Amino acid sequence: MKRPRNGRACGILKLAADDPDRELEFELAYLRSLTTQERFSLMFRKSRELADALAQHGHRKPVALVKRP
């Protein structure tokens, strides 16, 4: 995979047939190109998207147990 001048991996992976090893290498190269801040931002954004999708489909947080004295 070619890297642009700024050193970041980019682009779209096009394969003639499924190749899990090349797909994994592509994903890892992309993640390695991100800074720590960008990785955490991506992780938090994807977590919010997943939580929103679960809530839209009726999967909310379970009821919490409250201990009484």
PDB file of N, CA and C in Angstrom:
ATOM      1  N   MET A   1       0.845  -1.169   0.000  1.00  0.00           N
ATOM      2  CA  MET A   1       0.000   0.000   0.000  1.00  0.00           C
ATOM      3  C   MET A   1       0.891   1.232   0.000  1.00  0.00           C
ATOM      4  N   LYS A   2       0.623   2.122  -0.917  1.00  0.00           N
ATOM      5  CA  LYS A   2       1.405   3.350  -0.991  1.00  0.00           C
ATOM      6  C   LYS A   2       0.947   4.319   0.073  1.00  0.00           C
ATOM      7  N   ARG A   3       1.882   5.083   0.578  1.00  0.00           N
ATOM      8  CA  ARG A   3       1.561   6.104   1.573  1.00  0.00           C
ATOM      9  C   ARG A   3       1.758   7.468   0.943  1.00  0.00           C
ATOM     10  N   PRO A   4       0.839   8.383   1.200  1.00  0.00           N
ATOM     11  CA  PRO A   4       1.025   9.743   0.697  1.00  0.00           C
ATOM     12  C   PRO A   4       2.162  10.447   1.423  1.00  0.00           C
ATOM     13  N   ARG A   5       2.465  11.652   1.024  1.00  0.00           N
ATOM     14  CA  ARG A   5       3.606  12.384   1.585  1.00  0.00           C
ATOM     15  C   ARG A   5       3.499  12.610   3.087  1.00  0.00           C
ATOM     16  N   ASN A   6       2.277  12.734   3.610  1.00  0.00           N
ATOM     17  CA  ASN A   6       2.154  13.000   5.039  1.00  0.00           C
ATOM     18  C   ASN A   6       2.360  11.736   5.878  1.00  0.00           C
ATOM     19  N   GLY A   7       2.597  10.580   5.249  1.00  0.00           N
ATOM     20  CA  GLY A   7       2.904   9.360   5.978  1.00  0.00           C
ATOM     21  C   GLY A   7       1.696   8.566   6.425  1.00  0.00           C
ATOM     22  N   ARG A   8       0.516   9.022   6.092  1.00  0.00           N
ATOM     23  CA  ARG A   8      -0.698   8.338   6.517  1.00  0.00           C
ATOM     24  C   ARG A   8      -1.154   7.346   5.477  1.00  0.00           C
ATOM     25  N   ALA A   9      -1.589   6.193   5.950  1.00  0.00           N
ATOM     26  CA  ALA A   9      -2.186   5.221   5.053  1.00  0.00           C
ATOM     27  C   ALA A   9      -3.595   5.678   4.727  1.00  0.00           C
ATOM     28  N   CYS A  10      -3.991   5.565   3.494  1.00  0.00           N
ATOM     29  CA  CYS A  10      -5.342   5.962   3.124  1.00  0.00           C
ATOM     30  C   CYS A  10      -5.770   5.131   1.934  1.00  0.00           C
ATOM     31  N   GLY A  11      -6.992   5.316   1.545  1.00  0.00           N
ATOM     32  CA  GLY A  11      -7.483   4.648   0.367  1.00  0.00           C
ATOM     33  C   GLY A  11      -8.478   3.569   0.690  1.00  0.00           C
ATOM     34  N   ILE A  12      -8.856   2.864  -0.350  1.00  0.00           N
ATOM     35  CA  ILE A  12      -9.827   1.794  -0.238  1.00  0.00           C
ATOM     36  C   ILE A  12      -9.156   0.526  -0.727  1.00  0.00           C
ATOM     37  N   LEU A  13      -9.326  -0.533   0.033  1.00  0.00           N
ATOM     38  CA  LEU A  13      -8.736  -1.816  -0.338  1.00  0.00           C
ATOM     39  C   LEU A  13      -9.646  -2.505  -1.348  1.00  0.00           C
ATOM     40  N   LYS A  14      -9.106  -2.821  -2.516  1.00  0.00           N
ATOM     41  CA  LYS A  14      -9.861  -3.537  -3.545  1.00  0.00           C
ATOM     42  C   LYS A  14      -9.159  -4.851  -3.802  1.00  0.00           C
ATOM     43  N   LEU A  15      -9.886  -5.940  -3.588  1.00  0.00           N
ATOM     44  CA  LEU A  15      -9.339  -7.271  -3.816  1.00  0.00           C
ATOM     45  C   LEU A  15     -10.227  -8.036  -4.788  1.00  0.00           C
ATOM     46  N   ALA A  16      -9.609  -8.855  -5.619  1.00  0.00           N
ATOM     47  CA  ALA A  16     -10.376  -9.663  -6.564  1.00  0.00           C
ATOM     48  C   ALA A  16     -11.140 -10.763  -5.821  1.00  0.00           C
ATOM     49  N   ALA A  17     -10.540 -11.295  -4.778  1.00  0.00           N
ATOM     50  CA  ALA A  17     -11.169 -12.354  -3.978  1.00  0.00           C
ATOM     51  C   ALA A  17     -10.945 -12.034  -2.507  1.00  0.00           C
ATOM     52  N   ASP A  18     -11.732 -12.661  -1.657  1.00  0.00           N
ATOM     53  CA  ASP A  18     -11.562 -12.447  -0.216  1.00  0.00           C
ATOM     54  C   ASP A  18     -10.178 -12.891   0.224  1.00  0.00           C
ATOM     55  N   ASP A  19      -9.519 -12.033   0.976  1.00  0.00           N
ATOM     56  CA  ASP A  19      -8.202 -12.358   1.522  1.00  0.00           C
ATOM     57  C   ASP A  19      -8.125 -11.757   2.921  1.00  0.00           C
ATOM     58  N   PRO A  20      -8.492 -12.540   3.950  1.00  0.00           N
ATOM     59  CA  PRO A  20      -8.515 -12.023   5.318  1.00  0.00           C
ATOM     60  C   PRO A  20      -7.170 -11.473   5.793  1.00  0.00           C
ATOM     61  N   ASP A  21      -6.083 -12.068   5.355  1.00  0.00           N
ATOM     62  CA  ASP A  21      -4.758 -11.600   5.783  1.00  0.00           C
ATOM     63  C   ASP A  21      -4.476 -10.197   5.258  1.00  0.00           C
ATOM     64  N   ARG A  22      -4.785  -9.958   3.987  1.00  0.00           N
ATOM     65  CA  ARG A  22      -4.548  -8.629   3.408  1.00  0.00           C
ATOM     66  C   ARG A  22      -5.499  -7.594   4.007  1.00  0.00           C
ATOM     67  N   GLU A  23      -6.747  -8.014   4.305  1.00  0.00           N
ATOM     68  CA  GLU A  23      -7.693  -7.098   4.936  1.00  0.00           C
ATOM     69  C   GLU A  23      -7.194  -6.683   6.313  1.00  0.00           C
ATOM     70  N   LEU A  24      -6.684  -7.640   7.066  1.00  0.00           N
ATOM     71  CA  LEU A  24      -6.156  -7.357   8.396  1.00  0.00           C
ATOM     72  C   LEU A  24      -4.956  -6.421   8.311  1.00  0.00           C
ATOM     73  N   GLU A  25      -4.045  -6.681   7.388  1.00  0.00           N
ATOM     74  CA  GLU A  25      -2.881  -5.815   7.206  1.00  0.00           C
ATOM     75  C   GLU A  25      -3.305  -4.391   6.844  1.00  0.00           C
ATOM     76  N   PHE A  26      -4.324  -4.269   5.995  1.00  0.00           N
ATOM     77  CA  PHE A  26      -4.831  -2.953   5.608  1.00  0.00           C
ATOM     78  C   PHE A  26      -5.380  -2.207   6.818  1.00  0.00           C
ATOM     79  N   GLU A  27      -6.192  -2.892   7.634  1.00  0.00           N
ATOM     80  CA  GLU A  27      -6.761  -2.271   8.834  1.00  0.00           C
ATOM     81  C   GLU A  27      -5.664  -1.871   9.822  1.00  0.00           C
ATOM     82  N   LEU A  28      -4.689  -2.743  10.035  1.00  0.00           N
ATOM     83  CA  LEU A  28      -3.612  -2.434  10.971  1.00  0.00           C
ATOM     84  C   LEU A  28      -2.757  -1.264  10.481  1.00  0.00           C
ATOM     85  N   ALA A  29      -2.517  -1.200   9.178  1.00  0.00           N
ATOM     86  CA  ALA A  29      -1.747  -0.076   8.629  1.00  0.00           C
ATOM     87  C   ALA A  29      -2.501   1.226   8.852  1.00  0.00           C
ATOM     88  N   TYR A  30      -3.822   1.182   8.691  1.00  0.00           N
ATOM     89  CA  TYR A  30      -4.620   2.388   8.927  1.00  0.00           C
ATOM     90  C   TYR A  30      -4.545   2.800  10.397  1.00  0.00           C
ATOM     91  N   LEU A  31      -4.729   1.847  11.297  1.00  0.00           N
ATOM     92  CA  LEU A  31      -4.703   2.169  12.727  1.00  0.00           C
ATOM     93  C   LEU A  31      -3.323   2.655  13.172  1.00  0.00           C
ATOM     94  N   ARG A  32      -2.258   2.097  12.590  1.00  0.00           N
ATOM     95  CA  ARG A  32      -0.907   2.553  12.924  1.00  0.00           C
ATOM     96  C   ARG A  32      -0.667   3.980  12.457  1.00  0.00           C
ATOM     97  N   SER A  33      -1.382   4.397  11.421  1.00  0.00           N
ATOM     98  CA  SER A  33      -1.180   5.748  10.898  1.00  0.00           C
ATOM     99  C   SER A  33      -1.852   6.812  11.769  1.00  0.00           C
ATOM    100  N   LEU A  34      -2.743   6.400  12.677  1.00  0.00           N
ATOM    101  CA  LEU A  34      -3.447   7.362  13.526  1.00  0.00           C
ATOM    102  C   LEU A  34      -2.616   7.705  14.755  1.00  0.00           C
ATOM    103  N   THR A  35      -2.824   8.914  15.244  1.00  0.00           N
ATOM    104  CA  THR A  35      -2.194   9.296  16.509  1.00  0.00           C
ATOM    105  C   THR A  35      -3.017   8.686  17.643  1.00  0.00           C
ATOM    106  N   THR A  36      -2.469   8.710  18.844  1.00  0.00           N
ATOM    107  CA  THR A  36      -3.182   8.172  19.998  1.00  0.00           C
ATOM    108  C   THR A  36      -4.497   8.909  20.208  1.00  0.00           C
ATOM    109  N   GLN A  37      -4.474  10.220  20.076  1.00  0.00           N
ATOM    110  CA  GLN A  37      -5.696  11.015  20.237  1.00  0.00           C
ATOM    111  C   GLN A  37      -6.751  10.606  19.215  1.00  0.00           C
ATOM    112  N   GLU A  38      -6.339  10.421  17.970  1.00  0.00           N
ATOM    113  CA  GLU A  38      -7.284  10.026  16.925  1.00  0.00           C
ATOM    114  C   GLU A  38      -7.856   8.636  17.180  1.00  0.00           C
ATOM    115  N   ARG A  39      -7.026   7.715  17.679  1.00  0.00           N
ATOM    116  CA  ARG A  39      -7.515   6.364  17.998  1.00  0.00           C
ATOM    117  C   ARG A  39      -8.573   6.405  19.089  1.00  0.00           C
ATOM    118  N   PHE A  40      -8.318   7.193  20.140  1.00  0.00           N
ATOM    119  CA  PHE A  40      -9.292   7.289  21.225  1.00  0.00           C
ATOM    120  C   PHE A  40     -10.573   7.965  20.737  1.00  0.00           C
ATOM    121  N   SER A  41     -10.462   8.990  19.917  1.00  0.00           N
ATOM    122  CA  SER A  41     -11.652   9.644  19.367  1.00  0.00           C
ATOM    123  C   SER A  41     -12.473   8.662  18.544  1.00  0.00           C
ATOM    124  N   LEU A  42     -11.800   7.876  17.726  1.00  0.00           N
ATOM    125  CA  LEU A  42     -12.473   6.866  16.915  1.00  0.00           C
ATOM    126  C   LEU A  42     -13.155   5.832  17.802  1.00  0.00           C
ATOM    127  N   MET A  43     -12.467   5.383  18.840  1.00  0.00           N
ATOM    128  CA  MET A  43     -13.024   4.382  19.746  1.00  0.00           C
ATOM    129  C   MET A  43     -14.266   4.919  20.451  1.00  0.00           C
ATOM    130  N   PHE A  44     -14.203   6.162  20.963  1.00  0.00           N
ATOM    131  CA  PHE A  44     -15.348   6.738  21.657  1.00  0.00           C
ATOM    132  C   PHE A  44     -16.523   6.958  20.707  1.00  0.00           C
ATOM    133  N   ARG A  45     -16.237   7.418  19.478  1.00  0.00           N
ATOM    134  CA  ARG A  45     -17.299   7.649  18.502  1.00  0.00           C
ATOM    135  C   ARG A  45     -17.997   6.339  18.134  1.00  0.00           C
ATOM    136  N   LYS A  46     -17.208   5.280  17.904  1.00  0.00           N
ATOM    137  CA  LYS A  46     -17.799   3.986  17.550  1.00  0.00           C
ATOM    138  C   LYS A  46     -18.575   3.394  18.727  1.00  0.00           C
ATOM    139  N   SER A  47     -18.102   3.614  19.950  1.00  0.00           N
ATOM    140  CA  SER A  47     -18.832   3.136  21.128  1.00  0.00           C
ATOM    141  C   SER A  47     -20.186   3.828  21.241  1.00  0.00           C
ATOM    142  N   ARG A  48     -20.209   5.146  20.996  1.00  0.00           N
ATOM    143  CA  ARG A  48     -21.478   5.884  21.026  1.00  0.00           C
ATOM    144  C   ARG A  48     -22.422   5.390  19.935  1.00  0.00           C
ATOM    145  N   GLU A  49     -21.883   5.147  18.733  1.00  0.00           N
ATOM    146  CA  GLU A  49     -22.713   4.656  17.634  1.00  0.00           C
ATOM    147  C   GLU A  49     -23.324   3.306  17.986  1.00  0.00           C
ATOM    148  N   LEU A  50     -22.537   2.432  18.583  1.00  0.00           N
ATOM    149  CA  LEU A  50     -23.036   1.116  18.965  1.00  0.00           C
ATOM    150  C   LEU A  50     -24.101   1.229  20.046  1.00  0.00           C
ATOM    151  N   ALA A  51     -23.873   2.067  21.048  1.00  0.00           N
ATOM    152  CA  ALA A  51     -24.851   2.261  22.125  1.00  0.00           C
ATOM    153  C   ALA A  51     -26.145   2.841  21.571  1.00  0.00           C
ATOM    154  N   ASP A  52     -26.050   3.795  20.647  1.00  0.00           N
ATOM    155  CA  ASP A  52     -27.245   4.385  20.040  1.00  0.00           C
ATOM    156  C   ASP A  52     -28.015   3.344  19.227  1.00  0.00           C
ATOM    157  N   ALA A  53     -27.305   2.526  18.465  1.00  0.00           N
ATOM    158  CA  ALA A  53     -27.956   1.497  17.661  1.00  0.00           C
ATOM    159  C   ALA A  53     -28.654   0.477  18.560  1.00  0.00           C
ATOM    160  N   LEU A  54     -28.002   0.083  19.651  1.00  0.00           N
ATOM    161  CA  LEU A  54     -28.627  -0.858  20.583  1.00  0.00           C
ATOM    162  C   LEU A  54     -29.877  -0.256  21.211  1.00  0.00           C
ATOM    163  N   ALA A  55     -29.830   1.012  21.596  1.00  0.00           N
ATOM    164  CA  ALA A  55     -30.979   1.674  22.209  1.00  0.00           C
ATOM    165  C   ALA A  55     -32.134   1.793  21.206  1.00  0.00           C
ATOM    166  N   GLN A  56     -31.829   2.063  19.943  1.00  0.00           N
ATOM    167  CA  GLN A  56     -32.868   2.178  18.923  1.00  0.00           C
ATOM    168  C   GLN A  56     -33.584   0.853  18.699  1.00  0.00           C
ATOM    169  N   HIS A  57     -32.886  -0.236  18.919  1.00  0.00           N
ATOM    170  CA  HIS A  57     -33.468  -1.560  18.687  1.00  0.00           C
ATOM    171  C   HIS A  57     -33.958  -2.216  19.971  1.00  0.00           C
ATOM    172  N   GLY A  58     -34.118  -1.412  21.020  1.00  0.00           N
ATOM    173  CA  GLY A  58     -34.733  -1.912  22.243  1.00  0.00           C
ATOM    174  C   GLY A  58     -33.795  -2.541  23.244  1.00  0.00           C
ATOM    175  N   HIS A  59     -32.515  -2.439  23.058  1.00  0.00           N
ATOM    176  CA  HIS A  59     -31.547  -3.013  24.001  1.00  0.00           C
ATOM    177  C   HIS A  59     -30.955  -1.889  24.840  1.00  0.00           C
ATOM    178  N   ARG A  60     -31.578  -1.647  25.968  1.00  0.00           N
ATOM    179  CA  ARG A  60     -31.084  -0.598  26.854  1.00  0.00           C
ATOM    180  C   ARG A  60     -30.257  -1.212  27.951  1.00  0.00           C
ATOM    181  N   LYS A  61     -29.702  -0.354  28.802  1.00  0.00           N
ATOM    182  CA  LYS A  61     -28.906  -0.835  29.930  1.00  0.00           C
ATOM    183  C   LYS A  61     -29.808  -1.655  30.862  1.00  0.00           C
ATOM    184  N   PRO A  62     -29.286  -2.701  31.467  1.00  0.00           N
ATOM    185  CA  PRO A  62     -30.091  -3.465  32.409  1.00  0.00           C
ATOM    186  C   PRO A  62     -30.404  -2.653  33.661  1.00  0.00           C
ATOM    187  N   VAL A  63     -31.457  -3.031  34.313  1.00  0.00           N
ATOM    188  CA  VAL A  63     -31.851  -2.335  35.539  1.00  0.00           C
ATOM    189  C   VAL A  63     -30.788  -2.582  36.605  1.00  0.00           C
ATOM    190  N   ALA A  64     -30.378  -1.512  37.263  1.00  0.00           N
ATOM    191  CA  ALA A  64     -29.361  -1.628  38.309  1.00  0.00           C
ATOM    192  C   ALA A  64     -30.034  -2.022  39.633  1.00  0.00           C
ATOM    193  N   LEU A  65     -29.343  -2.834  40.406  1.00  0.00           N
ATOM    194  CA  LEU A  65     -29.837  -3.206  41.725  1.00  0.00           C
ATOM    195  C   LEU A  65     -29.419  -2.146  42.738  1.00  0.00           C
ATOM    196  N   VAL A  66     -30.350  -1.775  43.573  1.00  0.00           N
ATOM    197  CA  VAL A  66     -30.070  -0.763  44.581  1.00  0.00           C
ATOM    198  C   VAL A  66     -30.113  -1.465  45.946  1.00  0.00           C
ATOM    199  N   LYS A  67     -29.007  -1.394  46.653  1.00  0.00           N
ATOM    200  CA  LYS A  67     -28.958  -2.001  47.999  1.00  0.00           C
ATOM    201  C   LYS A  67     -29.581  -1.035  48.997  1.00  0.00           C
ATOM    202  N   ARG A  68     -30.462  -1.568  49.794  1.00  0.00           N
ATOM    203  CA  ARG A  68     -31.091  -0.751  50.825  1.00  0.00           C
ATOM    204  C   ARG A  68     -30.503  -1.131  52.173  1.00  0.00           C
ATOM    205  N   PRO A  69     -30.328  -0.148  53.041  1.00  0.00           N
ATOM    206  CA  PRO A  69     -29.734  -0.455  54.357  1.00  0.00           C
ATOM    207  C   PRO A  69     -30.666  -1.226  55.261  1.00  0.00           C
TER     208      PRO A  69
END
